[in-house]
Amino acid sequence: MGVLDGGRVELRHLRAFEAVARLQSFTRAADELAITQPALSRTIQQLEDALGVTLLDRSSRHVEMTHAGRTFFDHVERVLAELERGVDAVRRQTSIRLGFS
């Protein structure tokens, strides 16, 4: 059973990681995601625990991806982009179908 199958990694973990990695800041990512910084920190820690790796090096001034973090970020970006395309495709189908009713 994979990490996703066991329910240990959720979409919220991926969105949180993507935001922190992209913005290189827990504070700015928390603001963007409309959650508290402590909640975001817990979410990232849960993700790292589930994967068994450290994804982010944290200091008081900035956040930097580890080698594992950079590798994971590339995949997470693609997964989130593909998910967004899927949602858009379904919405387009729904609006077309509703238009012909």
PDB file of N, CA and C in Angstrom:
ATOM      1  N   MET A   1       0.847  -1.169   0.000  1.00  0.00           N
ATOM      2  CA  MET A   1       0.000   0.000   0.000  1.00  0.00           C
ATOM      3  C   MET A   1       0.900   1.241   0.000  1.00  0.00           C
ATOM      4  N   GLY A   2       0.576   2.209  -0.846  1.00  0.00           N
ATOM      5  CA  GLY A   2       1.355   3.428  -0.958  1.00  0.00           C
ATOM      6  C   GLY A   2       0.967   4.452   0.093  1.00  0.00           C
ATOM      7  N   VAL A   3       1.747   5.500   0.162  1.00  0.00           N
ATOM      8  CA  VAL A   3       1.500   6.570   1.128  1.00  0.00           C
ATOM      9  C   VAL A   3       0.137   7.209   0.886  1.00  0.00           C
ATOM     10  N   LEU A   4      -0.229   7.385  -0.376  1.00  0.00           N
ATOM     11  CA  LEU A   4      -1.533   7.980  -0.679  1.00  0.00           C
ATOM     12  C   LEU A   4      -2.674   7.038  -0.334  1.00  0.00           C
ATOM     13  N   ASP A   5      -2.480   5.735  -0.557  1.00  0.00           N
ATOM     14  CA  ASP A   5      -3.524   4.748  -0.275  1.00  0.00           C
ATOM     15  C   ASP A   5      -3.886   4.708   1.200  1.00  0.00           C
ATOM     16  N   GLY A   6      -2.901   4.879   2.044  1.00  0.00           N
ATOM     17  CA  GLY A   6      -3.127   4.794   3.479  1.00  0.00           C
ATOM     18  C   GLY A   6      -3.703   6.063   4.078  1.00  0.00           C
ATOM     19  N   GLY A   7      -3.936   7.069   3.249  1.00  0.00           N
ATOM     20  CA  GLY A   7      -4.518   8.303   3.750  1.00  0.00           C
ATOM     21  C   GLY A   7      -3.547   9.179   4.507  1.00  0.00           C
ATOM     22  N   ARG A   8      -2.267   8.905   4.362  1.00  0.00           N
ATOM     23  CA  ARG A   8      -1.285   9.675   5.115  1.00  0.00           C
ATOM     24  C   ARG A   8      -0.908  10.976   4.416  1.00  0.00           C
ATOM     25  N   VAL A   9      -1.012  11.024   3.100  1.00  0.00           N
ATOM     26  CA  VAL A   9      -0.739  12.254   2.359  1.00  0.00           C
ATOM     27  C   VAL A   9      -2.034  12.701   1.703  1.00  0.00           C
ATOM     28  N   GLU A  10      -2.423  13.908   2.011  1.00  0.00           N
ATOM     29  CA  GLU A  10      -3.676  14.451   1.496  1.00  0.00           C
ATOM     30  C   GLU A  10      -3.379  15.654   0.605  1.00  0.00           C
ATOM     31  N   LEU A  11      -4.379  16.056  -0.147  1.00  0.00           N
ATOM     32  CA  LEU A  11      -4.238  17.203  -1.034  1.00  0.00           C
ATOM     33  C   LEU A  11      -3.794  18.446  -0.266  1.00  0.00           C
ATOM     34  N   ARG A  12      -4.298  18.622   0.942  1.00  0.00           N
ATOM     35  CA  ARG A  12      -3.918  19.795   1.736  1.00  0.00           C
ATOM     36  C   ARG A  12      -2.419  19.814   2.030  1.00  0.00           C
ATOM     37  N   HIS A  13      -1.815  18.632   2.201  1.00  0.00           N
ATOM     38  CA  HIS A  13      -0.366  18.560   2.413  1.00  0.00           C
ATOM     39  C   HIS A  13       0.378  19.049   1.176  1.00  0.00           C
ATOM     40  N   LEU A  14      -0.086  18.616   0.006  1.00  0.00           N
ATOM     41  CA  LEU A  14       0.577  18.996  -1.241  1.00  0.00           C
ATOM     42  C   LEU A  14       0.439  20.490  -1.502  1.00  0.00           C
ATOM     43  N   ARG A  15      -0.753  21.018  -1.285  1.00  0.00           N
ATOM     44  CA  ARG A  15      -0.966  22.461  -1.486  1.00  0.00           C
ATOM     45  C   ARG A  15      -0.101  23.275  -0.511  1.00  0.00           C
ATOM     46  N   ALA A  16      -0.028  22.826   0.711  1.00  0.00           N
ATOM     47  CA  ALA A  16       0.768  23.529   1.719  1.00  0.00           C
ATOM     48  C   ALA A  16       2.245  23.510   1.344  1.00  0.00           C
ATOM     49  N   PHE A  17       2.749  22.345   0.978  1.00  0.00           N
ATOM     50  CA  PHE A  17       4.158  22.240   0.604  1.00  0.00           C
ATOM     51  C   PHE A  17       4.467  23.109  -0.610  1.00  0.00           C
ATOM     52  N   GLU A  18       3.603  23.063  -1.612  1.00  0.00           N
ATOM     53  CA  GLU A  18       3.826  23.852  -2.833  1.00  0.00           C
ATOM     54  C   GLU A  18       3.904  25.337  -2.494  1.00  0.00           C
ATOM     55  N   ALA A  19       3.015  25.810  -1.650  1.00  0.00           N
ATOM     56  CA  ALA A  19       2.995  27.234  -1.295  1.00  0.00           C
ATOM     57  C   ALA A  19       4.248  27.636  -0.520  1.00  0.00           C
ATOM     58  N   VAL A  20       4.635  26.850   0.472  1.00  0.00           N
ATOM     59  CA  VAL A  20       5.826  27.180   1.263  1.00  0.00           C
ATOM     60  C   VAL A  20       7.070  27.143   0.379  1.00  0.00           C
ATOM     61  N   ALA A  21       7.187  26.117  -0.443  1.00  0.00           N
ATOM     62  CA  ALA A  21       8.362  25.985  -1.300  1.00  0.00           C
ATOM     63  C   ALA A  21       8.433  27.125  -2.322  1.00  0.00           C
ATOM     64  N   ARG A  22       7.320  27.458  -2.912  1.00  0.00           N
ATOM     65  CA  ARG A  22       7.282  28.514  -3.934  1.00  0.00           C
ATOM     66  C   ARG A  22       7.562  29.886  -3.327  1.00  0.00           C
ATOM     67  N   LEU A  23       6.956  30.163  -2.182  1.00  0.00           N
ATOM     68  CA  LEU A  23       7.085  31.478  -1.549  1.00  0.00           C
ATOM     69  C   LEU A  23       8.302  31.583  -0.635  1.00  0.00           C
ATOM     70  N   GLN A  24       8.892  30.449  -0.292  1.00  0.00           N
ATOM     71  CA  GLN A  24      10.042  30.369   0.613  1.00  0.00           C
ATOM     72  C   GLN A  24       9.768  31.075   1.938  1.00  0.00           C
ATOM     73  N   SER A  25       8.535  30.909   2.402  1.00  0.00           N
ATOM     74  CA  SER A  25       8.134  31.558   3.651  1.00  0.00           C
ATOM     75  C   SER A  25       6.890  30.876   4.205  1.00  0.00           C
ATOM     76  N   PHE A  26       6.956  30.492   5.461  1.00  0.00           N
ATOM     77  CA  PHE A  26       5.777  29.931   6.110  1.00  0.00           C
ATOM     78  C   PHE A  26       4.718  31.011   6.320  1.00  0.00           C
ATOM     79  N   THR A  27       5.152  32.208   6.671  1.00  0.00           N
ATOM     80  CA  THR A  27       4.205  33.294   6.936  1.00  0.00           C
ATOM     81  C   THR A  27       3.419  33.657   5.685  1.00  0.00           C
ATOM     82  N   ARG A  28       4.122  33.874   4.576  1.00  0.00           N
ATOM     83  CA  ARG A  28       3.431  34.241   3.333  1.00  0.00           C
ATOM     84  C   ARG A  28       2.563  33.102   2.821  1.00  0.00           C
ATOM     85  N   ALA A  29       3.048  31.857   2.960  1.00  0.00           N
ATOM     86  CA  ALA A  29       2.251  30.708   2.523  1.00  0.00           C
ATOM     87  C   ALA A  29       0.992  30.574   3.373  1.00  0.00           C
ATOM     88  N   ALA A  30       1.123  30.759   4.679  1.00  0.00           N
ATOM     89  CA  ALA A  30      -0.048  30.686   5.560  1.00  0.00           C
ATOM     90  C   ALA A  30      -1.067  31.751   5.177  1.00  0.00           C
ATOM     91  N   ASP A  31      -0.592  32.953   4.882  1.00  0.00           N
ATOM     92  CA  ASP A  31      -1.499  34.026   4.453  1.00  0.00           C
ATOM     93  C   ASP A  31      -2.208  33.642   3.159  1.00  0.00           C
ATOM     94  N   GLU A  32      -1.451  33.124   2.194  1.00  0.00           N
ATOM     95  CA  GLU A  32      -2.038  32.739   0.906  1.00  0.00           C
ATOM     96  C   GLU A  32      -3.080  31.639   1.068  1.00  0.00           C
ATOM     97  N   LEU A  33      -2.795  30.689   1.950  1.00  0.00           N
ATOM     98  CA  LEU A  33      -3.690  29.550   2.164  1.00  0.00           C
ATOM     99  C   LEU A  33      -4.805  29.854   3.167  1.00  0.00           C
ATOM    100  N   ALA A  34      -4.749  31.022   3.782  1.00  0.00           N
ATOM    101  CA  ALA A  34      -5.739  31.445   4.777  1.00  0.00           C
ATOM    102  C   ALA A  34      -5.814  30.482   5.962  1.00  0.00           C
ATOM    103  N   ILE A  35      -4.628  30.082   6.445  1.00  0.00           N
ATOM    104  CA  ILE A  35      -4.529  29.269   7.657  1.00  0.00           C
ATOM    105  C   ILE A  35      -3.479  29.908   8.558  1.00  0.00           C
ATOM    106  N   THR A  36      -3.419  29.465   9.805  1.00  0.00           N
ATOM    107  CA  THR A  36      -2.418  30.013  10.715  1.00  0.00           C
ATOM    108  C   THR A  36      -1.056  29.408  10.406  1.00  0.00           C
ATOM    109  N   GLN A  37      -0.019  30.125  10.783  1.00  0.00           N
ATOM    110  CA  GLN A  37       1.335  29.624  10.562  1.00  0.00           C
ATOM    111  C   GLN A  37       1.592  28.342  11.359  1.00  0.00           C
ATOM    112  N   PRO A  38       1.143  28.249  12.624  1.00  0.00           N
ATOM    113  CA  PRO A  38       1.331  26.980  13.340  1.00  0.00           C
ATOM    114  C   PRO A  38       0.614  25.800  12.665  1.00  0.00           C
ATOM    115  N   ALA A  39      -0.580  26.036  12.128  1.00  0.00           N
ATOM    116  CA  ALA A  39      -1.299  24.964  11.423  1.00  0.00           C
ATOM    117  C   ALA A  39      -0.541  24.547  10.172  1.00  0.00           C
ATOM    118  N   LEU A  40       0.024  25.512   9.475  1.00  0.00           N
ATOM    119  CA  LEU A  40       0.811  25.204   8.282  1.00  0.00           C
ATOM    120  C   LEU A  40       2.060  24.413   8.656  1.00  0.00           C
ATOM    121  N   SER A  41       2.730  24.808   9.710  1.00  0.00           N
ATOM    122  CA  SER A  41       3.921  24.080  10.172  1.00  0.00           C
ATOM    123  C   SER A  41       3.582  22.637  10.515  1.00  0.00           C
ATOM    124  N   ARG A  42       2.447  22.424  11.190  1.00  0.00           N
ATOM    125  CA  ARG A  42       2.017  21.056  11.523  1.00  0.00           C
ATOM    126  C   ARG A  42       1.735  20.255  10.257  1.00  0.00           C
ATOM    127  N   THR A  43       1.107  20.883   9.276  1.00  0.00           N
ATOM    128  CA  THR A  43       0.783  20.201   8.023  1.00  0.00           C
ATOM    129  C   THR A  43       2.052  19.762   7.305  1.00  0.00           C
ATOM    130  N   ILE A  44       3.044  20.641   7.247  1.00  0.00           N
ATOM    131  CA  ILE A  44       4.317  20.294   6.598  1.00  0.00           C
ATOM    132  C   ILE A  44       5.016  19.187   7.379  1.00  0.00           C
ATOM    133  N   GLN A  45       4.981  19.261   8.700  1.00  0.00           N
ATOM    134  CA  GLN A  45       5.608  18.215   9.512  1.00  0.00           C
ATOM    135  C   GLN A  45       4.924  16.868   9.293  1.00  0.00           C
ATOM    136  N   GLN A  46       3.602  16.866   9.187  1.00  0.00           N
ATOM    137  CA  GLN A  46       2.867  15.625   8.900  1.00  0.00           C
ATOM    138  C   GLN A  46       3.293  15.041   7.559  1.00  0.00           C
ATOM    139  N   LEU A  47       3.452  15.901   6.565  1.00  0.00           N
ATOM    140  CA  LEU A  47       3.881  15.443   5.244  1.00  0.00           C
ATOM    141  C   LEU A  47       5.284  14.855   5.309  1.00  0.00           C
ATOM    142  N   GLU A  48       6.192  15.546   5.965  1.00  0.00           N
ATOM    143  CA  GLU A  48       7.559  15.041   6.093  1.00  0.00           C
ATOM    144  C   GLU A  48       7.582  13.722   6.860  1.00  0.00           C
ATOM    145  N   ASP A  49       6.780  13.607   7.895  1.00  0.00           N
ATOM    146  CA  ASP A  49       6.700  12.355   8.653  1.00  0.00           C
ATOM    147  C   ASP A  49       6.164  11.226   7.784  1.00  0.00           C
ATOM    148  N   ALA A  50       5.134  11.516   6.990  1.00  0.00           N
ATOM    149  CA  ALA A  50       4.541  10.494   6.126  1.00  0.00           C
ATOM    150  C   ALA A  50       5.537  10.020   5.077  1.00  0.00           C
ATOM    151  N   LEU A  51       6.340  10.943   4.554  1.00  0.00           N
ATOM    152  CA  LEU A  51       7.313  10.595   3.518  1.00  0.00           C
ATOM    153  C   LEU A  51       8.618  10.062   4.096  1.00  0.00           C
ATOM    154  N   GLY A  52       8.871  10.377   5.351  1.00  0.00           N
ATOM    155  CA  GLY A  52      10.105   9.926   5.988  1.00  0.00           C
ATOM    156  C   GLY A  52      11.335  10.704   5.544  1.00  0.00           C
ATOM    157  N   VAL A  53      11.137  11.939   5.071  1.00  0.00           N
ATOM    158  CA  VAL A  53      12.251  12.787   4.643  1.00  0.00           C
ATOM    159  C   VAL A  53      11.995  14.226   5.081  1.00  0.00           C
ATOM    160  N   THR A  54      13.069  14.991   5.156  1.00  0.00           N
ATOM    161  CA  THR A  54      12.962  16.426   5.393  1.00  0.00           C
ATOM    162  C   THR A  54      12.874  17.108   4.039  1.00  0.00           C
ATOM    163  N   LEU A  55      11.824  17.857   3.822  1.00  0.00           N
ATOM    164  CA  LEU A  55      11.615  18.541   2.545  1.00  0.00           C
ATOM    165  C   LEU A  55      12.111  19.978   2.570  1.00  0.00           C
ATOM    166  N   LEU A  56      12.113  20.579   3.747  1.00  0.00           N
ATOM    167  CA  LEU A  56      12.447  21.996   3.873  1.00  0.00           C
ATOM    168  C   LEU A  56      13.456  22.212   4.992  1.00  0.00           C
ATOM    169  N   ASP A  57      14.484  23.000   4.699  1.00  0.00           N
ATOM    170  CA  ASP A  57      15.389  23.488   5.734  1.00  0.00           C
ATOM    171  C   ASP A  57      14.819  24.805   6.208  1.00  0.00           C
ATOM    172  N   ARG A  58      14.592  24.900   7.503  1.00  0.00           N
ATOM    173  CA  ARG A  58      13.973  26.090   8.065  1.00  0.00           C
ATOM    174  C   ARG A  58      14.992  26.876   8.878  1.00  0.00           C
ATOM    175  N   SER A  59      14.976  28.175   8.706  1.00  0.00           N
ATOM    176  CA  SER A  59      15.725  29.059   9.595  1.00  0.00           C
ATOM    177  C   SER A  59      14.768  30.172  10.004  1.00  0.00           C
ATOM    178  N   SER A  60      15.198  31.010  10.909  1.00  0.00           N
ATOM    179  CA  SER A  60      14.305  32.084  11.352  1.00  0.00           C
ATOM    180  C   SER A  60      14.077  33.114  10.245  1.00  0.00           C
ATOM    181  N   ARG A  61      14.947  33.149   9.256  1.00  0.00           N
ATOM    182  CA  ARG A  61      14.849  34.168   8.209  1.00  0.00           C
ATOM    183  C   ARG A  61      14.257  33.662   6.892  1.00  0.00           C
ATOM    184  N   HIS A  62      14.499  32.408   6.548  1.00  0.00           N
ATOM    185  CA  HIS A  62      13.960  31.912   5.277  1.00  0.00           C
ATOM    186  C   HIS A  62      13.811  30.396   5.291  1.00  0.00           C
ATOM    187  N   VAL A  63      13.168  29.906   4.248  1.00  0.00           N
ATOM    188  CA  VAL A  63      12.935  28.472   4.071  1.00  0.00           C
ATOM    189  C   VAL A  63      13.572  28.072   2.754  1.00  0.00           C
ATOM    190  N   GLU A  64      14.246  26.950   2.760  1.00  0.00           N
ATOM    191  CA  GLU A  64      14.896  26.462   1.548  1.00  0.00           C
ATOM    192  C   GLU A  64      14.582  24.981   1.383  1.00  0.00           C
ATOM    193  N   MET A  65      14.338  24.561   0.157  1.00  0.00           N
ATOM    194  CA  MET A  65      14.069  23.150  -0.098  1.00  0.00           C
ATOM    195  C   MET A  65      15.351  22.332   0.013  1.00  0.00           C
ATOM    196  N   THR A  66      15.226  21.149   0.577  1.00  0.00           N
ATOM    197  CA  THR A  66      16.318  20.185   0.557  1.00  0.00           C
ATOM    198  C   THR A  66      16.360  19.555  -0.837  1.00  0.00           C
ATOM    199  N   HIS A  67      17.334  18.693  -1.069  1.00  0.00           N
ATOM    200  CA  HIS A  67      17.388  17.979  -2.353  1.00  0.00           C
ATOM    201  C   HIS A  67      16.102  17.173  -2.547  1.00  0.00           C
ATOM    202  N   ALA A  68      15.676  16.482  -1.504  1.00  0.00           N
ATOM    203  CA  ALA A  68      14.418  15.716  -1.583  1.00  0.00           C
ATOM    204  C   ALA A  68      13.242  16.651  -1.821  1.00  0.00           C
ATOM    205  N   GLY A  69      13.269  17.812  -1.203  1.00  0.00           N
ATOM    206  CA  GLY A  69      12.206  18.793  -1.386  1.00  0.00           C
ATOM    207  C   GLY A  69      12.111  19.280  -2.816  1.00  0.00           C
ATOM    208  N   ARG A  70      13.265  19.545  -3.445  1.00  0.00           N
ATOM    209  CA  ARG A  70      13.263  19.993  -4.844  1.00  0.00           C
ATOM    210  C   ARG A  70      12.710  18.906  -5.759  1.00  0.00           C
ATOM    211  N   THR A  71      13.116  17.673  -5.505  1.00  0.00           N
ATOM    212  CA  THR A  71      12.612  16.551  -6.304  1.00  0.00           C
ATOM    213  C   THR A  71      11.100  16.433  -6.144  1.00  0.00           C
ATOM    214  N   PHE A  72      10.628  16.477  -4.899  1.00  0.00           N
ATOM    215  CA  PHE A  72       9.196  16.344  -4.629  1.00  0.00           C
ATOM    216  C   PHE A  72       8.418  17.521  -5.204  1.00  0.00           C
ATOM    217  N   PHE A  73       8.978  18.733  -5.100  1.00  0.00           N
ATOM    218  CA  PHE A  73       8.311  19.935  -5.598  1.00  0.00           C
ATOM    219  C   PHE A  73       7.996  19.818  -7.089  1.00  0.00           C
ATOM    220  N   ASP A  74       8.944  19.311  -7.860  1.00  0.00           N
ATOM    221  CA  ASP A  74       8.716  19.142  -9.303  1.00  0.00           C
ATOM    222  C   ASP A  74       7.491  18.270  -9.561  1.00  0.00           C
ATOM    223  N   HIS A  75       7.352  17.205  -8.803  1.00  0.00           N
ATOM    224  CA  HIS A  75       6.209  16.299  -8.968  1.00  0.00           C
ATOM    225  C   HIS A  75       4.917  16.941  -8.466  1.00  0.00           C
ATOM    226  N   VAL A  76       4.993  17.601  -7.329  1.00  0.00           N
ATOM    227  CA  VAL A  76       3.799  18.234  -6.751  1.00  0.00           C
ATOM    228  C   VAL A  76       3.254  19.309  -7.687  1.00  0.00           C
ATOM    229  N   GLU A  77       4.138  20.096  -8.275  1.00  0.00           N
ATOM    230  CA  GLU A  77       3.692  21.126  -9.226  1.00  0.00           C
ATOM    231  C   GLU A  77       2.903  20.503 -10.374  1.00  0.00           C
ATOM    232  N   ARG A  78       3.429  19.411 -10.914  1.00  0.00           N
ATOM    233  CA  ARG A  78       2.748  18.742 -12.033  1.00  0.00           C
ATOM    234  C   ARG A  78       1.418  18.139 -11.594  1.00  0.00           C
ATOM    235  N   VAL A  79       1.395  17.522 -10.431  1.00  0.00           N
ATOM    236  CA  VAL A  79       0.162  16.907  -9.929  1.00  0.00           C
ATOM    237  C   VAL A  79      -0.918  17.967  -9.723  1.00  0.00           C
ATOM    238  N   LEU A  80      -0.570  19.071  -9.087  1.00  0.00           N
ATOM    239  CA  LEU A  80      -1.558  20.119  -8.835  1.00  0.00           C
ATOM    240  C   LEU A  80      -2.035  20.760 -10.136  1.00  0.00           C
ATOM    241  N   ALA A  81      -1.129  20.953 -11.082  1.00  0.00           N
ATOM    242  CA  ALA A  81      -1.519  21.522 -12.378  1.00  0.00           C
ATOM    243  C   ALA A  81      -2.451  20.570 -13.120  1.00  0.00           C
ATOM    244  N   GLU A  82      -2.146  19.287 -13.091  1.00  0.00           N
ATOM    245  CA  GLU A  82      -2.993  18.296 -13.767  1.00  0.00           C
ATOM    246  C   GLU A  82      -4.360  18.205 -13.097  1.00  0.00           C
ATOM    247  N   LEU A  83      -4.387  18.256 -11.794  1.00  0.00           N
ATOM    248  CA  LEU A  83      -5.656  18.241 -11.066  1.00  0.00           C
ATOM    249  C   LEU A  83      -6.502  19.453 -11.452  1.00  0.00           C
ATOM    250  N   GLU A  84      -5.870  20.609 -11.542  1.00  0.00           N
ATOM    251  CA  GLU A  84      -6.583  21.830 -11.942  1.00  0.00           C
ATOM    252  C   GLU A  84      -7.145  21.683 -13.356  1.00  0.00           C
ATOM    253  N   ARG A  85      -6.368  21.099 -14.262  1.00  0.00           N
ATOM    254  CA  ARG A  85      -6.863  20.869 -15.627  1.00  0.00           C
ATOM    255  C   ARG A  85      -8.050  19.915 -15.616  1.00  0.00           C
ATOM    256  N   GLY A  86      -7.998  18.894 -14.781  1.00  0.00           N
ATOM    257  CA  GLY A  86      -9.113  17.959 -14.674  1.00  0.00           C
ATOM    258  C   GLY A  86     -10.375  18.629 -14.166  1.00  0.00           C
ATOM    259  N   VAL A  87     -10.229  19.459 -13.160  1.00  0.00           N
ATOM    260  CA  VAL A  87     -11.382  20.192 -12.619  1.00  0.00           C
ATOM    261  C   VAL A  87     -11.962  21.108 -13.692  1.00  0.00           C
ATOM    262  N   ASP A  88     -11.099  21.811 -14.409  1.00  0.00           N
ATOM    263  CA  ASP A  88     -11.565  22.698 -15.482  1.00  0.00           C
ATOM    264  C   ASP A  88     -12.301  21.916 -16.559  1.00  0.00           C
ATOM    265  N   ALA A  89     -11.777  20.743 -16.927  1.00  0.00           N
ATOM    266  CA  ALA A  89     -12.414  19.921 -17.964  1.00  0.00           C
ATOM    267  C   ALA A  89     -13.804  19.477 -17.532  1.00  0.00           C
ATOM    268  N   VAL A  90     -13.945  19.060 -16.296  1.00  0.00           N
ATOM    269  CA  VAL A  90     -15.246  18.623 -15.787  1.00  0.00           C
ATOM    270  C   VAL A  90     -16.215  19.802 -15.755  1.00  0.00           C
ATOM    271  N   ARG A  91     -15.739  20.946 -15.334  1.00  0.00           N
ATOM    272  CA  ARG A  91     -16.609  22.130 -15.293  1.00  0.00           C
ATOM    273  C   ARG A  91     -17.068  22.522 -16.696  1.00  0.00           C
ATOM    274  N   ARG A  92     -16.172  22.426 -17.669  1.00  0.00           N
ATOM    275  CA  ARG A  92     -16.559  22.745 -19.049  1.00  0.00           C
ATOM    276  C   ARG A  92     -17.613  21.766 -19.547  1.00  0.00           C
ATOM    277  N   GLN A  93     -17.442  20.477 -19.259  1.00  0.00           N
ATOM    278  CA  GLN A  93     -18.432  19.468 -19.663  1.00  0.00           C
ATOM    279  C   GLN A  93     -19.779  19.767 -19.031  1.00  0.00           C
ATOM    280  N   THR A  94     -19.757  20.093 -17.760  1.00  0.00           N
ATOM    281  CA  THR A  94     -20.994  20.368 -17.037  1.00  0.00           C
ATOM    282  C   THR A  94     -21.700  21.579 -17.632  1.00  0.00           C
ATOM    283  N   SER A  95     -20.956  22.629 -17.943  1.00  0.00           N
ATOM    284  CA  SER A  95     -21.594  23.826 -18.496  1.00  0.00           C
ATOM    285  C   SER A  95     -22.109  23.564 -19.907  1.00  0.00           C
ATOM    286  N   ILE A  96     -21.426  22.734 -20.677  1.00  0.00           N
ATOM    287  CA  ILE A  96     -21.901  22.386 -22.019  1.00  0.00           C
ATOM    288  C   ILE A  96     -23.180  21.565 -21.905  1.00  0.00           C
ATOM    289  N   ARG A  97     -23.170  20.582 -21.021  1.00  0.00           N
ATOM    290  CA  ARG A  97     -24.334  19.731 -20.827  1.00  0.00           C
ATOM    291  C   ARG A  97     -25.532  20.553 -20.359  1.00  0.00           C
ATOM    292  N   LEU A  98     -25.300  21.464 -19.436  1.00  0.00           N
ATOM    293  CA  LEU A  98     -26.387  22.306 -18.940  1.00  0.00           C
ATOM    294  C   LEU A  98     -26.896  23.236 -20.039  1.00  0.00           C
ATOM    295  N   GLY A  99     -26.013  23.640 -20.928  1.00  0.00           N
ATOM    296  CA  GLY A  99     -26.405  24.524 -22.012  1.00  0.00           C
ATOM    297  C   GLY A  99     -27.326  23.860 -23.020  1.00  0.00           C
ATOM    298  N   PHE A 100     -27.286  22.533 -23.109  1.00  0.00           N
ATOM    299  CA  PHE A 100     -28.122  21.811 -24.067  1.00  0.00           C
ATOM    300  C   PHE A 100     -29.393  21.261 -23.448  1.00  0.00           C
ATOM    301  N   SER A 101     -29.576  21.450 -22.171  1.00  0.00           N
ATOM    302  CA  SER A 101     -30.761  20.894 -21.493  1.00  0.00           C
ATOM    303  C   SER A 101     -32.030  21.566 -21.913  1.00  0.00           C
TER     304      SER A 101
END
